[in-house]
Amino acid sequence: MPRYLITYHGFPYPDIDTAAEQRRAFRAWAEKSLGRAMVDFGSPLYDAGQMSATGAPVEPVEIDGYTIVEARSVSEVRELLAGHPFLSLGGTIQINECLDV
């Protein structure tokens, strides 16, 4: 079954207490709404730098966190993510299919 990398963008980092509360709420939502489709709950991410062989890296993209899910299609992923708490906080979710190489 295809895997999808879900990345979270555009949400300012809250204070530590608020972040812990939001993470608990997110985990509860994910366990209920994503269930067995969730492969990796993921974690928040911090931009630690870039590397480039040409010396000129591309413009960095802020990624606030990630989750990996399995689903039959992008449409199914969208259905799974409906009502995601990150969206109600004003963030954006990006869906990328993980291709076999």
PDB file of N, CA and C in Angstrom:
ATOM      1  N   MET A   1       0.851  -1.171   0.000  1.00  0.00           N
ATOM      2  CA  MET A   1       0.000   0.000   0.000  1.00  0.00           C
ATOM      3  C   MET A   1       0.899   1.236   0.000  1.00  0.00           C
ATOM      4  N   PRO A   2       0.560   2.252  -0.771  1.00  0.00           N
ATOM      5  CA  PRO A   2       1.380   3.460  -0.834  1.00  0.00           C
ATOM      6  C   PRO A   2       1.494   4.166   0.513  1.00  0.00           C
ATOM      7  N   ARG A   3       2.645   4.780   0.721  1.00  0.00           N
ATOM      8  CA  ARG A   3       2.884   5.587   1.914  1.00  0.00           C
ATOM      9  C   ARG A   3       2.924   7.048   1.506  1.00  0.00           C
ATOM     10  N   TYR A   4       2.489   7.882   2.429  1.00  0.00           N
ATOM     11  CA  TYR A   4       2.442   9.322   2.177  1.00  0.00           C
ATOM     12  C   TYR A   4       3.115  10.061   3.318  1.00  0.00           C
ATOM     13  N   LEU A   5       3.967  11.005   2.958  1.00  0.00           N
ATOM     14  CA  LEU A   5       4.618  11.879   3.920  1.00  0.00           C
ATOM     15  C   LEU A   5       3.746  13.121   4.067  1.00  0.00           C
ATOM     16  N   ILE A   6       3.277  13.347   5.267  1.00  0.00           N
ATOM     17  CA  ILE A   6       2.465  14.518   5.566  1.00  0.00           C
ATOM     18  C   ILE A   6       3.391  15.511   6.269  1.00  0.00           C
ATOM     19  N   THR A   7       3.511  16.717   5.727  1.00  0.00           N
ATOM     20  CA  THR A   7       4.329  17.728   6.389  1.00  0.00           C
ATOM     21  C   THR A   7       3.444  18.906   6.779  1.00  0.00           C
ATOM     22  N   TYR A   8       3.847  19.535   7.882  1.00  0.00           N
ATOM     23  CA  TYR A   8       3.079  20.625   8.462  1.00  0.00           C
ATOM     24  C   TYR A   8       3.852  21.925   8.289  1.00  0.00           C
ATOM     25  N   HIS A   9       3.142  22.966   7.839  1.00  0.00           N
ATOM     26  CA  HIS A   9       3.777  24.241   7.494  1.00  0.00           C
ATOM     27  C   HIS A   9       2.954  25.417   8.018  1.00  0.00           C
ATOM     28  N   GLY A  10       3.676  26.513   8.320  1.00  0.00           N
ATOM     29  CA  GLY A  10       3.017  27.790   8.565  1.00  0.00           C
ATOM     30  C   GLY A  10       2.366  27.961   9.916  1.00  0.00           C
ATOM     31  N   PHE A  11       2.902  27.334  10.941  1.00  0.00           N
ATOM     32  CA  PHE A  11       2.331  27.511  12.265  1.00  0.00           C
ATOM     33  C   PHE A  11       3.427  27.967  13.208  1.00  0.00           C
ATOM     34  N   PRO A  12       3.264  29.133  13.828  1.00  0.00           N
ATOM     35  CA  PRO A  12       4.307  29.605  14.741  1.00  0.00           C
ATOM     36  C   PRO A  12       4.404  28.693  15.966  1.00  0.00           C
ATOM     37  N   TYR A  13       5.618  28.471  16.425  1.00  0.00           N
ATOM     38  CA  TYR A  13       5.820  27.613  17.586  1.00  0.00           C
ATOM     39  C   TYR A  13       5.266  28.282  18.837  1.00  0.00           C
ATOM     40  N   PRO A  14       4.380  27.595  19.549  1.00  0.00           N
ATOM     41  CA  PRO A  14       3.819  28.160  20.775  1.00  0.00           C
ATOM     42  C   PRO A  14       4.772  27.969  21.955  1.00  0.00           C
ATOM     43  N   ASP A  15       4.406  28.517  23.093  1.00  0.00           N
ATOM     44  CA  ASP A  15       5.213  28.302  24.295  1.00  0.00           C
ATOM     45  C   ASP A  15       5.188  26.816  24.662  1.00  0.00           C
ATOM     46  N   ILE A  16       6.092  26.398  25.508  1.00  0.00           N
ATOM     47  CA  ILE A  16       6.300  24.978  25.805  1.00  0.00           C
ATOM     48  C   ILE A  16       5.052  24.305  26.377  1.00  0.00           C
ATOM     49  N   ASP A  17       4.308  24.980  27.257  1.00  0.00           N
ATOM     50  CA  ASP A  17       3.107  24.379  27.843  1.00  0.00           C
ATOM     51  C   ASP A  17       2.013  24.197  26.798  1.00  0.00           C
ATOM     52  N   THR A  18       1.822  25.217  25.972  1.00  0.00           N
ATOM     53  CA  THR A  18       0.816  25.127  24.909  1.00  0.00           C
ATOM     54  C   THR A  18       1.208  24.057  23.907  1.00  0.00           C
ATOM     55  N   ALA A  19       2.487  23.970  23.569  1.00  0.00           N
ATOM     56  CA  ALA A  19       2.958  22.957  22.613  1.00  0.00           C
ATOM     57  C   ALA A  19       2.689  21.555  23.149  1.00  0.00           C
ATOM     58  N   ALA A  20       2.943  21.315  24.436  1.00  0.00           N
ATOM     59  CA  ALA A  20       2.709  20.001  25.022  1.00  0.00           C
ATOM     60  C   ALA A  20       1.229  19.644  24.983  1.00  0.00           C
ATOM     61  N   GLU A  21       0.380  20.608  25.275  1.00  0.00           N
ATOM     62  CA  GLU A  21      -1.064  20.386  25.236  1.00  0.00           C
ATOM     63  C   GLU A  21      -1.535  20.084  23.818  1.00  0.00           C
ATOM     64  N   GLN A  22      -1.051  20.858  22.849  1.00  0.00           N
ATOM     65  CA  GLN A  22      -1.433  20.638  21.450  1.00  0.00           C
ATOM     66  C   GLN A  22      -0.943  19.280  20.962  1.00  0.00           C
ATOM     67  N   ARG A  23       0.252  18.878  21.383  1.00  0.00           N
ATOM     68  CA  ARG A  23       0.796  17.585  20.959  1.00  0.00           C
ATOM     69  C   ARG A  23      -0.043  16.439  21.520  1.00  0.00           C
ATOM     70  N   ARG A  24      -0.484  16.541  22.770  1.00  0.00           N
ATOM     71  CA  ARG A  24      -1.355  15.505  23.351  1.00  0.00           C
ATOM     72  C   ARG A  24      -2.667  15.423  22.576  1.00  0.00           C
ATOM     73  N   ALA A  25      -3.249  16.586  22.266  1.00  0.00           N
ATOM     74  CA  ALA A  25      -4.505  16.620  21.516  1.00  0.00           C
ATOM     75  C   ALA A  25      -4.304  16.049  20.112  1.00  0.00           C
ATOM     76  N   PHE A  26      -3.183  16.387  19.481  1.00  0.00           N
ATOM     77  CA  PHE A  26      -2.881  15.884  18.143  1.00  0.00           C
ATOM     78  C   PHE A  26      -2.725  14.366  18.168  1.00  0.00           C
ATOM     79  N   ARG A  27      -1.986  13.840  19.162  1.00  0.00           N
ATOM     80  CA  ARG A  27      -1.795  12.396  19.255  1.00  0.00           C
ATOM     81  C   ARG A  27      -3.138  11.675  19.449  1.00  0.00           C
ATOM     82  N   ALA A  28      -4.000  12.208  20.310  1.00  0.00           N
ATOM     83  CA  ALA A  28      -5.322  11.606  20.536  1.00  0.00           C
ATOM     84  C   ALA A  28      -6.129  11.608  19.244  1.00  0.00           C
ATOM     85  N   TRP A  29      -6.100  12.741  18.520  1.00  0.00           N
ATOM     86  CA  TRP A  29      -6.820  12.815  17.242  1.00  0.00           C
ATOM     87  C   TRP A  29      -6.248  11.800  16.260  1.00  0.00           C
ATOM     88  N   ALA A  30      -4.924  11.736  16.149  1.00  0.00           N
ATOM     89  CA  ALA A  30      -4.277  10.842  15.178  1.00  0.00           C
ATOM     90  C   ALA A  30      -4.604   9.376  15.471  1.00  0.00           C
ATOM     91  N   GLU A  31      -4.549   8.979  16.722  1.00  0.00           N
ATOM     92  CA  GLU A  31      -4.849   7.585  17.064  1.00  0.00           C
ATOM     93  C   GLU A  31      -6.287   7.238  16.731  1.00  0.00           C
ATOM     94  N   LYS A  32      -7.208   8.182  16.958  1.00  0.00           N
ATOM     95  CA  LYS A  32      -8.625   7.938  16.663  1.00  0.00           C
ATOM     96  C   LYS A  32      -8.916   8.019  15.161  1.00  0.00           C
ATOM     97  N   SER A  33      -8.433   9.067  14.505  1.00  0.00           N
ATOM     98  CA  SER A  33      -8.796   9.331  13.112  1.00  0.00           C
ATOM     99  C   SER A  33      -7.948   8.588  12.091  1.00  0.00           C
ATOM    100  N   LEU A  34      -6.662   8.410  12.373  1.00  0.00           N
ATOM    101  CA  LEU A  34      -5.784   7.735  11.418  1.00  0.00           C
ATOM    102  C   LEU A  34      -5.702   6.245  11.687  1.00  0.00           C
ATOM    103  N   GLY A  35      -5.800   5.857  12.939  1.00  0.00           N
ATOM    104  CA  GLY A  35      -5.789   4.443  13.306  1.00  0.00           C
ATOM    105  C   GLY A  35      -4.616   3.692  12.703  1.00  0.00           C
ATOM    106  N   ARG A  36      -4.924   2.560  12.059  1.00  0.00           N
ATOM    107  CA  ARG A  36      -3.891   1.689  11.496  1.00  0.00           C
ATOM    108  C   ARG A  36      -3.199   2.298  10.279  1.00  0.00           C
ATOM    109  N   ALA A  37      -3.759   3.362   9.705  1.00  0.00           N
ATOM    110  CA  ALA A  37      -3.118   4.015   8.553  1.00  0.00           C
ATOM    111  C   ALA A  37      -1.842   4.746   8.975  1.00  0.00           C
ATOM    112  N   MET A  38      -1.740   5.086  10.260  1.00  0.00           N
ATOM    113  CA  MET A  38      -0.569   5.820  10.741  1.00  0.00           C
ATOM    114  C   MET A  38       0.618   4.871  10.864  1.00  0.00           C
ATOM    115  N   VAL A  39       1.663   5.134  10.077  1.00  0.00           N
ATOM    116  CA  VAL A  39       2.894   4.342  10.089  1.00  0.00           C
ATOM    117  C   VAL A  39       3.876   4.929  11.088  1.00  0.00           C
ATOM    118  N   ASP A  40       3.983   6.252  11.097  1.00  0.00           N
ATOM    119  CA  ASP A  40       4.914   6.958  11.975  1.00  0.00           C
ATOM    120  C   ASP A  40       4.237   8.253  12.407  1.00  0.00           C
ATOM    121  N   PHE A  41       3.982   8.386  13.702  1.00  0.00           N
ATOM    122  CA  PHE A  41       3.340   9.591  14.221  1.00  0.00           C
ATOM    123  C   PHE A  41       4.152  10.828  13.863  1.00  0.00           C
ATOM    124  N   GLY A  42       5.472  10.701  13.830  1.00  0.00           N
ATOM    125  CA  GLY A  42       6.343  11.808  13.457  1.00  0.00           C
ATOM    126  C   GLY A  42       6.731  12.640  14.653  1.00  0.00           C
ATOM    127  N   SER A  43       7.180  13.854  14.360  1.00  0.00           N
ATOM    128  CA  SER A  43       7.615  14.764  15.419  1.00  0.00           C
ATOM    129  C   SER A  43       7.729  16.167  14.855  1.00  0.00           C
ATOM    130  N   PRO A  44       7.838  17.148  15.749  1.00  0.00           N
ATOM    131  CA  PRO A  44       8.148  18.495  15.278  1.00  0.00           C
ATOM    132  C   PRO A  44       9.553  18.496  14.679  1.00  0.00           C
ATOM    133  N   LEU A  45       9.802  19.418  13.772  1.00  0.00           N
ATOM    134  CA  LEU A  45      11.113  19.525  13.129  1.00  0.00           C
ATOM    135  C   LEU A  45      11.693  20.913  13.346  1.00  0.00           C
ATOM    136  N   TYR A  46      12.999  20.967  13.403  1.00  0.00           N
ATOM    137  CA  TYR A  46      13.721  22.234  13.534  1.00  0.00           C
ATOM    138  C   TYR A  46      14.732  22.305  12.400  1.00  0.00           C
ATOM    139  N   ASP A  47      14.717  23.401  11.642  1.00  0.00           N
ATOM    140  CA  ASP A  47      15.642  23.588  10.522  1.00  0.00           C
ATOM    141  C   ASP A  47      17.058  23.717  11.066  1.00  0.00           C
ATOM    142  N   ALA A  48      17.899  22.719  10.769  1.00  0.00           N
ATOM    143  CA  ALA A  48      19.266  22.700  11.283  1.00  0.00           C
ATOM    144  C   ALA A  48      20.300  23.011  10.200  1.00  0.00           C
ATOM    145  N   GLY A  49      19.851  23.420   9.016  1.00  0.00           N
ATOM    146  CA  GLY A  49      20.786  23.804   7.969  1.00  0.00           C
ATOM    147  C   GLY A  49      20.568  23.053   6.673  1.00  0.00           C
ATOM    148  N   GLN A  50      21.371  23.409   5.669  1.00  0.00           N
ATOM    149  CA  GLN A  50      21.302  22.805   4.345  1.00  0.00           C
ATOM    150  C   GLN A  50      22.703  22.489   3.854  1.00  0.00           C
ATOM    151  N   MET A  51      22.752  21.629   2.834  1.00  0.00           N
ATOM    152  CA  MET A  51      24.016  21.322   2.144  1.00  0.00           C
ATOM    153  C   MET A  51      23.746  21.324   0.653  1.00  0.00           C
ATOM    154  N   SER A  52      24.749  21.694  -0.119  1.00  0.00           N
ATOM    155  CA  SER A  52      24.622  21.682  -1.568  1.00  0.00           C
ATOM    156  C   SER A  52      25.993  21.453  -2.186  1.00  0.00           C
ATOM    157  N   ALA A  53      26.054  20.588  -3.197  1.00  0.00           N
ATOM    158  CA  ALA A  53      27.323  20.326  -3.879  1.00  0.00           C
ATOM    159  C   ALA A  53      27.751  21.527  -4.719  1.00  0.00           C
ATOM    160  N   THR A  54      26.804  22.368  -5.128  1.00  0.00           N
ATOM    161  CA  THR A  54      27.132  23.514  -5.977  1.00  0.00           C
ATOM    162  C   THR A  54      27.420  24.775  -5.181  1.00  0.00           C
ATOM    163  N   GLY A  55      27.228  24.722  -3.874  1.00  0.00           N
ATOM    164  CA  GLY A  55      27.484  25.897  -3.049  1.00  0.00           C
ATOM    165  C   GLY A  55      26.318  26.848  -2.951  1.00  0.00           C
ATOM    166  N   ALA A  56      25.263  26.613  -3.720  1.00  0.00           N
ATOM    167  CA  ALA A  56      24.096  27.491  -3.695  1.00  0.00           C
ATOM    168  C   ALA A  56      22.839  26.658  -3.442  1.00  0.00           C
ATOM    169  N   PRO A  57      22.481  26.395  -2.175  1.00  0.00           N
ATOM    170  CA  PRO A  57      21.291  25.590  -1.907  1.00  0.00           C
ATOM    171  C   PRO A  57      20.022  26.316  -2.333  1.00  0.00           C
ATOM    172  N   VAL A  58      18.970  25.542  -2.539  1.00  0.00           N
ATOM    173  CA  VAL A  58      17.677  26.130  -2.888  1.00  0.00           C
ATOM    174  C   VAL A  58      17.122  26.866  -1.666  1.00  0.00           C
ATOM    175  N   GLU A  59      16.158  27.702  -1.904  1.00  0.00           N
ATOM    176  CA  GLU A  59      15.510  28.447  -0.822  1.00  0.00           C
ATOM    177  C   GLU A  59      14.931  27.456   0.197  1.00  0.00           C
ATOM    178  N   PRO A  60      15.250  27.624   1.484  1.00  0.00           N
ATOM    179  CA  PRO A  60      14.741  26.677   2.483  1.00  0.00           C
ATOM    180  C   PRO A  60      13.223  26.773   2.639  1.00  0.00           C
ATOM    181  N   VAL A  61      12.611  25.652   2.955  1.00  0.00           N
ATOM    182  CA  VAL A  61      11.179  25.583   3.211  1.00  0.00           C
ATOM    183  C   VAL A  61      11.011  25.205   4.675  1.00  0.00           C
ATOM    184  N   GLU A  62      10.250  25.986   5.395  1.00  0.00           N
ATOM    185  CA  GLU A  62      10.013  25.702   6.811  1.00  0.00           C
ATOM    186  C   GLU A  62       9.040  24.529   6.930  1.00  0.00           C
ATOM    187  N   ILE A  63       9.464  23.472   7.573  1.00  0.00           N
ATOM    188  CA  ILE A  63       8.615  22.311   7.838  1.00  0.00           C
ATOM    189  C   ILE A  63       8.514  22.193   9.348  1.00  0.00           C
ATOM    190  N   ASP A  64       7.297  22.322   9.855  1.00  0.00           N
ATOM    191  CA  ASP A  64       7.094  22.319  11.299  1.00  0.00           C
ATOM    192  C   ASP A  64       7.078  20.910  11.891  1.00  0.00           C
ATOM    193  N   GLY A  65       6.746  19.905  11.083  1.00  0.00           N
ATOM    194  CA  GLY A  65       6.692  18.531  11.567  1.00  0.00           C
ATOM    195  C   GLY A  65       6.258  17.600  10.458  1.00  0.00           C
ATOM    196  N   TYR A  66       6.150  16.315  10.793  1.00  0.00           N
ATOM    197  CA  TYR A  66       5.761  15.332   9.777  1.00  0.00           C
ATOM    198  C   TYR A  66       5.000  14.169  10.414  1.00  0.00           C
ATOM    199  N   THR A  67       4.277  13.432   9.571  1.00  0.00           N
ATOM    200  CA  THR A  67       3.622  12.172   9.902  1.00  0.00           C
ATOM    201  C   THR A  67       3.681  11.321   8.641  1.00  0.00           C
ATOM    202  N   ILE A  68       3.752  10.013   8.783  1.00  0.00           N
ATOM    203  CA  ILE A  68       3.708   9.112   7.630  1.00  0.00           C
ATOM    204  C   ILE A  68       2.489   8.206   7.777  1.00  0.00           C
ATOM    205  N   VAL A  69       1.690   8.126   6.709  1.00  0.00           N
ATOM    206  CA  VAL A  69       0.503   7.271   6.704  1.00  0.00           C
ATOM    207  C   VAL A  69       0.524   6.351   5.492  1.00  0.00           C
ATOM    208  N   GLU A  70      -0.242   5.278   5.569  1.00  0.00           N
ATOM    209  CA  GLU A  70      -0.478   4.386   4.433  1.00  0.00           C
ATOM    210  C   GLU A  70      -1.938   4.518   4.036  1.00  0.00           C
ATOM    211  N   ALA A  71      -2.180   4.594   2.732  1.00  0.00           N
ATOM    212  CA  ALA A  71      -3.544   4.707   2.220  1.00  0.00           C
ATOM    213  C   ALA A  71      -3.556   4.232   0.773  1.00  0.00           C
ATOM    214  N   ARG A  72      -4.737   3.913   0.283  1.00  0.00           N
ATOM    215  CA  ARG A  72      -4.869   3.429  -1.100  1.00  0.00           C
ATOM    216  C   ARG A  72      -4.701   4.540  -2.127  1.00  0.00           C
ATOM    217  N   SER A  73      -4.991   5.815  -1.726  1.00  0.00           N
ATOM    218  CA  SER A  73      -4.927   6.916  -2.692  1.00  0.00           C
ATOM    219  C   SER A  73      -4.791   8.245  -1.952  1.00  0.00           C
ATOM    220  N   VAL A  74      -4.467   9.274  -2.711  1.00  0.00           N
ATOM    221  CA  VAL A  74      -4.401  10.624  -2.148  1.00  0.00           C
ATOM    222  C   VAL A  74      -5.784  11.024  -1.640  1.00  0.00           C
ATOM    223  N   SER A  75      -6.823  10.620  -2.350  1.00  0.00           N
ATOM    224  CA  SER A  75      -8.187  10.934  -1.902  1.00  0.00           C
ATOM    225  C   SER A  75      -8.450  10.349  -0.518  1.00  0.00           C
ATOM    226  N   GLU A  76      -7.994   9.132  -0.289  1.00  0.00           N
ATOM    227  CA  GLU A  76      -8.176   8.507   1.015  1.00  0.00           C
ATOM    228  C   GLU A  76      -7.385   9.264   2.081  1.00  0.00           C
ATOM    229  N   VAL A  77      -6.175   9.707   1.742  1.00  0.00           N
ATOM    230  CA  VAL A  77      -5.379  10.491   2.692  1.00  0.00           C
ATOM    231  C   VAL A  77      -6.126  11.768   3.054  1.00  0.00           C
ATOM    232  N   ARG A  78      -6.677  12.442   2.056  1.00  0.00           N
ATOM    233  CA  ARG A  78      -7.425  13.675   2.313  1.00  0.00           C
ATOM    234  C   ARG A  78      -8.605  13.413   3.249  1.00  0.00           C
ATOM    235  N   GLU A  79      -9.288  12.291   3.046  1.00  0.00           N
ATOM    236  CA  GLU A  79     -10.398  11.929   3.931  1.00  0.00           C
ATOM    237  C   GLU A  79      -9.896  11.687   5.348  1.00  0.00           C
ATOM    238  N   LEU A  80      -8.759  10.993   5.468  1.00  0.00           N
ATOM    239  CA  LEU A  80      -8.191  10.724   6.791  1.00  0.00           C
ATOM    240  C   LEU A  80      -7.813  12.020   7.513  1.00  0.00           C
ATOM    241  N   LEU A  81      -7.352  13.002   6.758  1.00  0.00           N
ATOM    242  CA  LEU A  81      -6.863  14.247   7.353  1.00  0.00           C
ATOM    243  C   LEU A  81      -7.950  15.295   7.575  1.00  0.00           C
ATOM    244  N   ALA A  82      -9.169  15.018   7.108  1.00  0.00           N
ATOM    245  CA  ALA A  82     -10.270  15.965   7.328  1.00  0.00           C
ATOM    246  C   ALA A  82     -10.442  16.163   8.839  1.00  0.00           C
ATOM    247  N   GLY A  83     -10.540  17.389   9.249  1.00  0.00           N
ATOM    248  CA  GLY A  83     -10.702  17.680  10.667  1.00  0.00           C
ATOM    249  C   GLY A  83      -9.409  17.664  11.461  1.00  0.00           C
ATOM    250  N   HIS A  84      -8.269  17.627  10.767  1.00  0.00           N
ATOM    251  CA  HIS A  84      -6.969  17.615  11.453  1.00  0.00           C
ATOM    252  C   HIS A  84      -6.825  18.869  12.310  1.00  0.00           C
ATOM    253  N   PRO A  85      -6.423  18.737  13.578  1.00  0.00           N
ATOM    254  CA  PRO A  85      -6.316  19.909  14.449  1.00  0.00           C
ATOM    255  C   PRO A  85      -5.318  20.957  13.970  1.00  0.00           C
ATOM    256  N   PHE A  86      -4.295  20.558  13.216  1.00  0.00           N
ATOM    257  CA  PHE A  86      -3.316  21.523  12.714  1.00  0.00           C
ATOM    258  C   PHE A  86      -3.985  22.531  11.788  1.00  0.00           C
ATOM    259  N   LEU A  87      -4.964  22.075  11.006  1.00  0.00           N
ATOM    260  CA  LEU A  87      -5.666  22.980  10.098  1.00  0.00           C
ATOM    261  C   LEU A  87      -6.474  24.012  10.874  1.00  0.00           C
ATOM    262  N   SER A  88      -7.110  23.591  11.964  1.00  0.00           N
ATOM    263  CA  SER A  88      -7.918  24.528  12.745  1.00  0.00           C
ATOM    264  C   SER A  88      -7.058  25.558  13.476  1.00  0.00           C
ATOM    265  N   LEU A  89      -5.754  25.270  13.609  1.00  0.00           N
ATOM    266  CA  LEU A  89      -4.833  26.226  14.232  1.00  0.00           C
ATOM    267  C   LEU A  89      -4.266  27.214  13.211  1.00  0.00           C
ATOM    268  N   GLY A  90      -4.657  27.064  11.931  1.00  0.00           N
ATOM    269  CA  GLY A  90      -4.214  27.989  10.898  1.00  0.00           C
ATOM    270  C   GLY A  90      -3.038  27.497  10.079  1.00  0.00           C
ATOM    271  N   GLY A  91      -2.599  26.257  10.295  1.00  0.00           N
ATOM    272  CA  GLY A  91      -1.475  25.717   9.546  1.00  0.00           C
ATOM    273  C   GLY A  91      -1.896  25.118   8.215  1.00  0.00           C
ATOM    274  N   THR A  92      -0.908  24.741   7.421  1.00  0.00           N
ATOM    275  CA  THR A  92      -1.109  24.101   6.124  1.00  0.00           C
ATOM    276  C   THR A  92      -0.511  22.706   6.171  1.00  0.00           C
ATOM    277  N   ILE A  93      -1.176  21.757   5.558  1.00  0.00           N
ATOM    278  CA  ILE A  93      -0.687  20.378   5.470  1.00  0.00           C
ATOM    279  C   ILE A  93      -0.340  20.093   4.017  1.00  0.00           C
ATOM    280  N   GLN A  94       0.839  19.531   3.782  1.00  0.00           N
ATOM    281  CA  GLN A  94       1.246  19.097   2.444  1.00  0.00           C
ATOM    282  C   GLN A  94       1.295  17.574   2.428  1.00  0.00           C
ATOM    283  N   ILE A  95       0.824  16.975   1.336  1.00  0.00           N
ATOM    284  CA  ILE A  95       0.809  15.526   1.168  1.00  0.00           C
ATOM    285  C   ILE A  95       1.764  15.174   0.038  1.00  0.00           C
ATOM    286  N   ASN A  96       2.748  14.296   0.322  1.00  0.00           N
ATOM    287  CA  ASN A  96       3.666  13.813  -0.704  1.00  0.00           C
ATOM    288  C   ASN A  96       3.641  12.288  -0.696  1.00  0.00           C
ATOM    289  N   GLU A  97       3.470  11.692  -1.867  1.00  0.00           N
ATOM    290  CA  GLU A  97       3.510  10.232  -1.963  1.00  0.00           C
ATOM    291  C   GLU A  97       4.975   9.773  -1.946  1.00  0.00           C
ATOM    292  N   CYS A  98       5.258   8.765  -1.136  1.00  0.00           N
ATOM    293  CA  CYS A  98       6.600   8.183  -1.066  1.00  0.00           C
ATOM    294  C   CYS A  98       6.685   7.114  -2.169  1.00  0.00           C
ATOM    295  N   LEU A  99       7.518   7.341  -3.156  1.00  0.00           N
ATOM    296  CA  LEU A  99       7.625   6.429  -4.297  1.00  0.00           C
ATOM    297  C   LEU A  99       8.668   5.347  -4.042  1.00  0.00           C
ATOM    298  N   ASP A 100       8.404   4.158  -4.537  1.00  0.00           N
ATOM    299  CA  ASP A 100       9.384   3.083  -4.466  1.00  0.00           C
ATOM    300  C   ASP A 100      10.533   3.395  -5.445  1.00  0.00           C
ATOM    301  N   VAL A 101      11.741   3.110  -5.039  1.00  0.00           N
ATOM    302  CA  VAL A 101      12.891   3.372  -5.903  1.00  0.00           C
ATOM    303  C   VAL A 101      13.581   2.087  -6.262  1.00  0.00           C
TER     304      VAL A 101
END
